[in-house]
N, C-alpha and C. Protein backbone atom coordinates (compact mmCIF):
# COMPACT_ATOMS: atom_id res chain seq x y z
N MET A 1 0.85 -1.17 0.00
CA MET A 1 0.00 0.00 0.00
C MET A 1 0.89 1.23 0.00
N SER A 2 0.52 2.16 -0.83
CA SER A 2 1.33 3.37 -0.91
C SER A 2 0.41 4.58 -0.92
N GLY A 3 1.01 5.73 -0.84
CA GLY A 3 0.27 6.99 -0.80
C GLY A 3 0.33 7.57 0.60
N ASP A 4 0.17 8.88 0.68
CA ASP A 4 0.29 9.59 1.96
C ASP A 4 -0.71 9.11 3.01
N ALA A 5 -1.90 8.71 2.59
CA ALA A 5 -2.95 8.34 3.54
C ALA A 5 -2.97 6.85 3.87
N ALA A 6 -2.20 6.05 3.15
CA ALA A 6 -2.19 4.59 3.38
C ALA A 6 -1.58 4.27 4.73
N ASP A 7 -1.95 3.10 5.27
CA ASP A 7 -1.44 2.64 6.56
C ASP A 7 -1.12 1.15 6.47
N PRO A 8 -0.03 0.78 5.77
CA PRO A 8 0.26 -0.63 5.53
C PRO A 8 0.50 -1.47 6.79
N ASN A 9 1.02 -0.89 7.86
CA ASN A 9 1.24 -1.69 9.08
C ASN A 9 0.05 -1.62 10.03
N GLN A 10 -0.99 -0.92 9.62
CA GLN A 10 -2.26 -0.83 10.35
C GLN A 10 -2.10 -0.43 11.81
N ASN A 11 -1.25 0.59 12.04
CA ASN A 11 -1.06 1.08 13.41
C ASN A 11 -1.82 2.38 13.66
N GLY A 12 -2.62 2.82 12.69
CA GLY A 12 -3.41 4.03 12.86
C GLY A 12 -2.70 5.30 12.43
N LEU A 13 -1.45 5.18 11.97
CA LEU A 13 -0.69 6.35 11.51
C LEU A 13 -0.52 6.27 9.99
N PRO A 14 -1.00 7.28 9.26
CA PRO A 14 -0.83 7.25 7.80
C PRO A 14 0.64 7.42 7.41
N ASN A 15 0.96 6.98 6.20
CA ASN A 15 2.34 7.02 5.71
C ASN A 15 2.99 8.39 5.85
N LEU A 16 2.28 9.46 5.50
CA LEU A 16 2.88 10.79 5.57
C LEU A 16 3.30 11.13 7.00
N LEU A 17 2.46 10.80 7.97
CA LEU A 17 2.82 11.08 9.36
C LEU A 17 4.01 10.23 9.80
N GLU A 18 4.02 8.96 9.43
CA GLU A 18 5.16 8.10 9.79
C GLU A 18 6.45 8.61 9.14
N TYR A 19 6.37 9.05 7.90
CA TYR A 19 7.53 9.62 7.21
C TYR A 19 8.04 10.85 7.96
N ALA A 20 7.13 11.76 8.31
CA ALA A 20 7.52 13.00 9.00
C ALA A 20 8.08 12.72 10.39
N LEU A 21 7.60 11.65 11.03
CA LEU A 21 8.07 11.30 12.37
C LEU A 21 9.35 10.46 12.34
N GLY A 22 9.77 10.05 11.14
CA GLY A 22 10.98 9.23 11.02
C GLY A 22 10.74 7.77 11.34
N LEU A 23 9.51 7.31 11.16
CA LEU A 23 9.15 5.92 11.43
C LEU A 23 9.12 5.12 10.13
N ASP A 24 9.17 3.82 10.23
CA ASP A 24 9.07 2.93 9.08
C ASP A 24 7.61 2.52 8.92
N PRO A 25 6.94 2.90 7.82
CA PRO A 25 5.52 2.59 7.67
C PRO A 25 5.22 1.11 7.46
N ARG A 26 6.24 0.30 7.26
CA ARG A 26 6.01 -1.14 7.06
C ARG A 26 6.11 -1.93 8.36
N THR A 27 6.68 -1.35 9.39
CA THR A 27 6.82 -2.05 10.67
C THR A 27 6.28 -1.16 11.79
N SER A 28 6.06 -1.76 12.92
CA SER A 28 5.56 -1.01 14.07
C SER A 28 6.66 -0.94 15.13
N ASP A 29 6.92 0.25 15.65
CA ASP A 29 7.90 0.43 16.70
C ASP A 29 7.28 1.26 17.82
N PRO A 30 6.58 0.62 18.76
CA PRO A 30 5.89 1.35 19.82
C PRO A 30 6.78 2.28 20.64
N ALA A 31 8.06 1.99 20.74
CA ALA A 31 8.96 2.84 21.53
C ALA A 31 9.10 4.23 20.93
N LEU A 32 8.85 4.37 19.62
CA LEU A 32 9.01 5.66 18.97
C LEU A 32 7.70 6.42 18.79
N LEU A 33 6.59 5.83 19.22
CA LEU A 33 5.30 6.50 19.06
C LEU A 33 5.20 7.70 19.99
N PRO A 34 4.50 8.74 19.57
CA PRO A 34 4.31 9.90 20.44
C PRO A 34 3.65 9.48 21.75
N ARG A 35 3.99 10.21 22.82
CA ARG A 35 3.39 9.88 24.11
C ARG A 35 3.11 11.16 24.91
N LEU A 36 2.05 11.08 25.67
CA LEU A 36 1.61 12.18 26.52
C LEU A 36 1.75 11.77 27.97
N GLN A 37 2.27 12.68 28.78
CA GLN A 37 2.41 12.43 30.20
C GLN A 37 1.81 13.61 30.95
N ILE A 38 0.97 13.31 31.92
CA ILE A 38 0.45 14.36 32.80
C ILE A 38 1.35 14.37 34.03
N THR A 39 1.93 15.52 34.31
CA THR A 39 2.89 15.64 35.40
C THR A 39 2.59 16.92 36.17
N SER A 40 3.43 17.26 37.10
CA SER A 40 3.27 18.49 37.87
C SER A 40 4.48 19.37 37.64
N ILE A 41 4.23 20.61 37.27
CA ILE A 41 5.29 21.60 37.10
C ILE A 41 4.91 22.80 37.97
N SER A 42 5.77 23.15 38.89
CA SER A 42 5.53 24.24 39.85
C SER A 42 4.21 24.03 40.61
N GLY A 43 3.92 22.76 40.91
CA GLY A 43 2.73 22.45 41.69
C GLY A 43 1.43 22.42 40.91
N GLN A 44 1.50 22.65 39.60
CA GLN A 44 0.29 22.65 38.77
C GLN A 44 0.34 21.48 37.80
N PRO A 45 -0.83 20.86 37.49
CA PRO A 45 -0.83 19.78 36.50
C PRO A 45 -0.41 20.31 35.14
N ALA A 46 0.41 19.54 34.47
CA ALA A 46 0.91 19.95 33.15
C ALA A 46 0.93 18.75 32.21
N ALA A 47 0.60 19.00 30.95
CA ALA A 47 0.66 17.97 29.92
C ALA A 47 1.98 18.12 29.19
N VAL A 48 2.76 17.04 29.17
CA VAL A 48 4.05 17.04 28.48
C VAL A 48 3.96 16.01 27.37
N PHE A 49 4.21 16.45 26.14
CA PHE A 49 4.07 15.61 24.95
C PHE A 49 5.45 15.38 24.36
N THR A 50 5.79 14.12 24.10
CA THR A 50 7.08 13.75 23.53
C THR A 50 6.86 13.07 22.19
N TYR A 51 7.58 13.52 21.16
CA TYR A 51 7.47 12.90 19.84
C TYR A 51 8.76 13.12 19.07
N THR A 52 8.95 12.28 18.04
CA THR A 52 10.13 12.41 17.19
C THR A 52 9.72 13.02 15.86
N ILE A 53 10.67 13.67 15.22
CA ILE A 53 10.49 14.10 13.84
C ILE A 53 11.74 13.70 13.07
N SER A 54 11.56 13.44 11.80
CA SER A 54 12.70 13.08 10.97
C SER A 54 13.49 14.33 10.62
N SER A 55 14.79 14.26 10.80
CA SER A 55 15.62 15.42 10.43
C SER A 55 15.89 15.45 8.93
N THR A 56 15.53 14.38 8.22
CA THR A 56 15.76 14.34 6.77
C THR A 56 14.48 14.57 5.96
N ALA A 57 13.33 14.56 6.59
CA ALA A 57 12.05 14.77 5.88
C ALA A 57 11.79 16.26 5.75
N ILE A 58 12.59 16.92 4.91
CA ILE A 58 12.50 18.38 4.79
C ILE A 58 11.30 18.83 3.97
N ASP A 59 10.58 17.89 3.35
CA ASP A 59 9.41 18.24 2.55
C ASP A 59 8.10 17.96 3.29
N ALA A 60 8.18 17.72 4.60
CA ALA A 60 6.99 17.49 5.41
C ALA A 60 7.16 18.16 6.77
N ALA A 61 6.05 18.59 7.32
CA ALA A 61 6.07 19.24 8.63
C ALA A 61 5.07 18.55 9.54
N VAL A 62 5.35 18.59 10.83
CA VAL A 62 4.47 18.01 11.84
C VAL A 62 3.94 19.16 12.70
N VAL A 63 2.62 19.15 12.91
CA VAL A 63 1.97 20.18 13.70
C VAL A 63 1.19 19.50 14.83
N LEU A 64 1.36 19.98 16.05
CA LEU A 64 0.57 19.48 17.18
C LEU A 64 -0.67 20.35 17.27
N GLU A 65 -1.84 19.71 17.23
CA GLU A 65 -3.10 20.43 17.29
C GLU A 65 -3.88 20.02 18.54
N GLU A 66 -4.78 20.93 18.97
CA GLU A 66 -5.61 20.65 20.13
C GLU A 66 -7.07 20.96 19.81
N SER A 67 -7.96 20.29 20.56
CA SER A 67 -9.39 20.49 20.40
C SER A 67 -10.07 20.20 21.73
N THR A 68 -11.20 20.83 21.96
CA THR A 68 -12.00 20.52 23.14
C THR A 68 -13.25 19.73 22.76
N ASP A 69 -13.52 19.59 21.44
CA ASP A 69 -14.75 18.92 21.02
C ASP A 69 -14.54 17.91 19.87
N LEU A 70 -13.32 17.70 19.45
CA LEU A 70 -12.97 16.80 18.34
C LEU A 70 -13.53 17.26 17.00
N LYS A 71 -14.08 18.47 16.94
CA LYS A 71 -14.59 19.02 15.69
C LYS A 71 -13.71 20.15 15.18
N THR A 72 -13.36 21.05 16.07
CA THR A 72 -12.55 22.21 15.72
C THR A 72 -11.14 22.00 16.26
N TRP A 73 -10.15 22.05 15.35
CA TRP A 73 -8.75 21.84 15.72
C TRP A 73 -7.96 23.10 15.45
N THR A 74 -7.09 23.47 16.39
CA THR A 74 -6.21 24.62 16.21
C THR A 74 -4.80 24.21 16.64
N GLY A 75 -3.83 24.97 16.20
CA GLY A 75 -2.45 24.71 16.62
C GLY A 75 -2.35 24.81 18.12
N ALA A 76 -1.70 23.83 18.74
CA ALA A 76 -1.57 23.81 20.20
C ALA A 76 -0.57 24.86 20.66
N ASN A 77 -0.87 25.49 21.77
CA ASN A 77 0.03 26.42 22.41
C ASN A 77 1.03 25.58 23.20
N THR A 78 2.30 25.61 22.80
CA THR A 78 3.30 24.77 23.44
C THR A 78 4.55 25.56 23.81
N GLN A 79 5.30 24.99 24.73
CA GLN A 79 6.61 25.50 25.12
C GLN A 79 7.58 24.34 24.98
N GLN A 80 8.60 24.49 24.15
CA GLN A 80 9.58 23.42 23.97
C GLN A 80 10.44 23.30 25.22
N LEU A 81 10.48 22.10 25.80
CA LEU A 81 11.29 21.85 26.98
C LEU A 81 12.66 21.30 26.61
N SER A 82 12.71 20.47 25.54
CA SER A 82 14.00 19.95 25.09
C SER A 82 13.88 19.45 23.66
N ARG A 83 15.05 19.33 23.03
CA ARG A 83 15.16 18.78 21.67
C ARG A 83 16.52 18.11 21.58
N THR A 84 16.50 16.81 21.27
CA THR A 84 17.74 16.06 21.13
C THR A 84 17.75 15.37 19.77
N SER A 85 18.95 15.18 19.22
CA SER A 85 19.09 14.55 17.90
C SER A 85 19.86 13.25 18.03
N SER A 86 19.39 12.22 17.28
CA SER A 86 20.07 10.95 17.27
C SER A 86 19.55 10.11 16.10
N GLY A 87 20.45 9.59 15.30
CA GLY A 87 20.09 8.66 14.24
C GLY A 87 19.11 9.19 13.21
N GLY A 88 19.21 10.43 12.83
CA GLY A 88 18.32 11.00 11.82
C GLY A 88 16.97 11.44 12.36
N ARG A 89 16.80 11.39 13.68
CA ARG A 89 15.54 11.82 14.31
C ARG A 89 15.84 12.87 15.38
N ASP A 90 14.94 13.81 15.50
CA ASP A 90 14.98 14.76 16.61
C ASP A 90 13.83 14.40 17.55
N THR A 91 14.11 14.31 18.83
CA THR A 91 13.07 14.05 19.82
C THR A 91 12.73 15.37 20.49
N LEU A 92 11.47 15.74 20.40
CA LEU A 92 10.99 16.98 21.00
C LEU A 92 10.13 16.67 22.21
N VAL A 93 10.33 17.44 23.26
CA VAL A 93 9.51 17.37 24.46
C VAL A 93 8.91 18.76 24.64
N VAL A 94 7.57 18.84 24.61
CA VAL A 94 6.90 20.13 24.71
C VAL A 94 5.87 20.08 25.83
N ARG A 95 5.70 21.21 26.45
CA ARG A 95 4.63 21.38 27.45
C ARG A 95 3.46 22.01 26.71
N VAL A 96 2.29 21.42 26.86
CA VAL A 96 1.09 21.90 26.19
C VAL A 96 0.38 22.91 27.09
N ARG A 97 -0.02 24.04 26.50
CA ARG A 97 -0.73 25.12 27.20
C ARG A 97 0.08 25.63 28.39
N PRO A 98 1.31 26.07 28.17
CA PRO A 98 2.19 26.42 29.29
C PRO A 98 1.73 27.59 30.14
N SER A 99 0.97 28.53 29.57
CA SER A 99 0.57 29.71 30.35
C SER A 99 -0.89 29.63 30.79
N GLU A 100 -1.56 28.49 30.54
CA GLU A 100 -2.97 28.36 30.88
C GLU A 100 -3.17 27.06 31.67
N PRO A 101 -4.21 26.99 32.49
CA PRO A 101 -4.49 25.72 33.18
C PRO A 101 -4.96 24.68 32.17
N LEU A 102 -4.70 23.42 32.49
CA LEU A 102 -5.19 22.34 31.63
C LEU A 102 -6.71 22.31 31.67
N LEU A 103 -7.31 22.11 30.53
CA LEU A 103 -8.76 21.99 30.47
C LEU A 103 -9.17 20.58 30.86
N PRO A 104 -10.34 20.41 31.45
CA PRO A 104 -10.76 19.06 31.84
C PRO A 104 -10.97 18.15 30.62
N GLN A 105 -11.25 18.75 29.47
CA GLN A 105 -11.45 17.97 28.26
C GLN A 105 -10.59 18.60 27.16
N LEU A 106 -9.46 17.97 26.87
CA LEU A 106 -8.55 18.48 25.85
C LEU A 106 -8.01 17.30 25.05
N TYR A 107 -8.14 17.39 23.74
CA TYR A 107 -7.66 16.34 22.85
C TYR A 107 -6.48 16.88 22.06
N LEU A 108 -5.50 16.02 21.81
CA LEU A 108 -4.31 16.40 21.05
C LEU A 108 -4.14 15.45 19.88
N ARG A 109 -3.60 15.96 18.79
CA ARG A 109 -3.25 15.10 17.65
C ARG A 109 -2.05 15.69 16.93
N LEU A 110 -1.29 14.81 16.32
CA LEU A 110 -0.20 15.23 15.45
C LEU A 110 -0.71 15.16 14.02
N LYS A 111 -0.43 16.17 13.25
CA LYS A 111 -0.85 16.22 11.86
C LYS A 111 0.38 16.49 11.00
N ALA A 112 0.53 15.72 9.94
CA ALA A 112 1.64 15.94 9.01
C ALA A 112 1.09 16.61 7.76
N GLN A 113 1.90 17.47 7.19
CA GLN A 113 1.51 18.14 5.94
C GLN A 113 2.71 18.27 5.03
N ARG A 114 2.45 18.19 3.75
CA ARG A 114 3.52 18.38 2.75
C ARG A 114 3.86 19.86 2.66
N LEU A 115 5.13 20.15 2.52
CA LEU A 115 5.58 21.54 2.35
C LEU A 115 5.69 21.86 0.87
């Protein structure tokens, strides 16, 4: 299966997103999948999102989006906490909504787009 929207390994991530994240669309590697952690920063609950991007996929971009109703999506307000490079991938750790309290209902998604 080919094409940006195809999902040959059936892990729920389309080829374009796997390409932009530096993943292999033919195999599944759970260790490299994006992950969300709810933690405490300065005594307040904070959402910390970790994901990789390919340093060689210069024709694709990854955008973290947020929604409160799964209908309307906007770019997430984030603060980058760290960025490390290894093996053609950059690992980003971002705090979501750094200047606002976490909402009781907040959905996040990664979206890939061609440049």
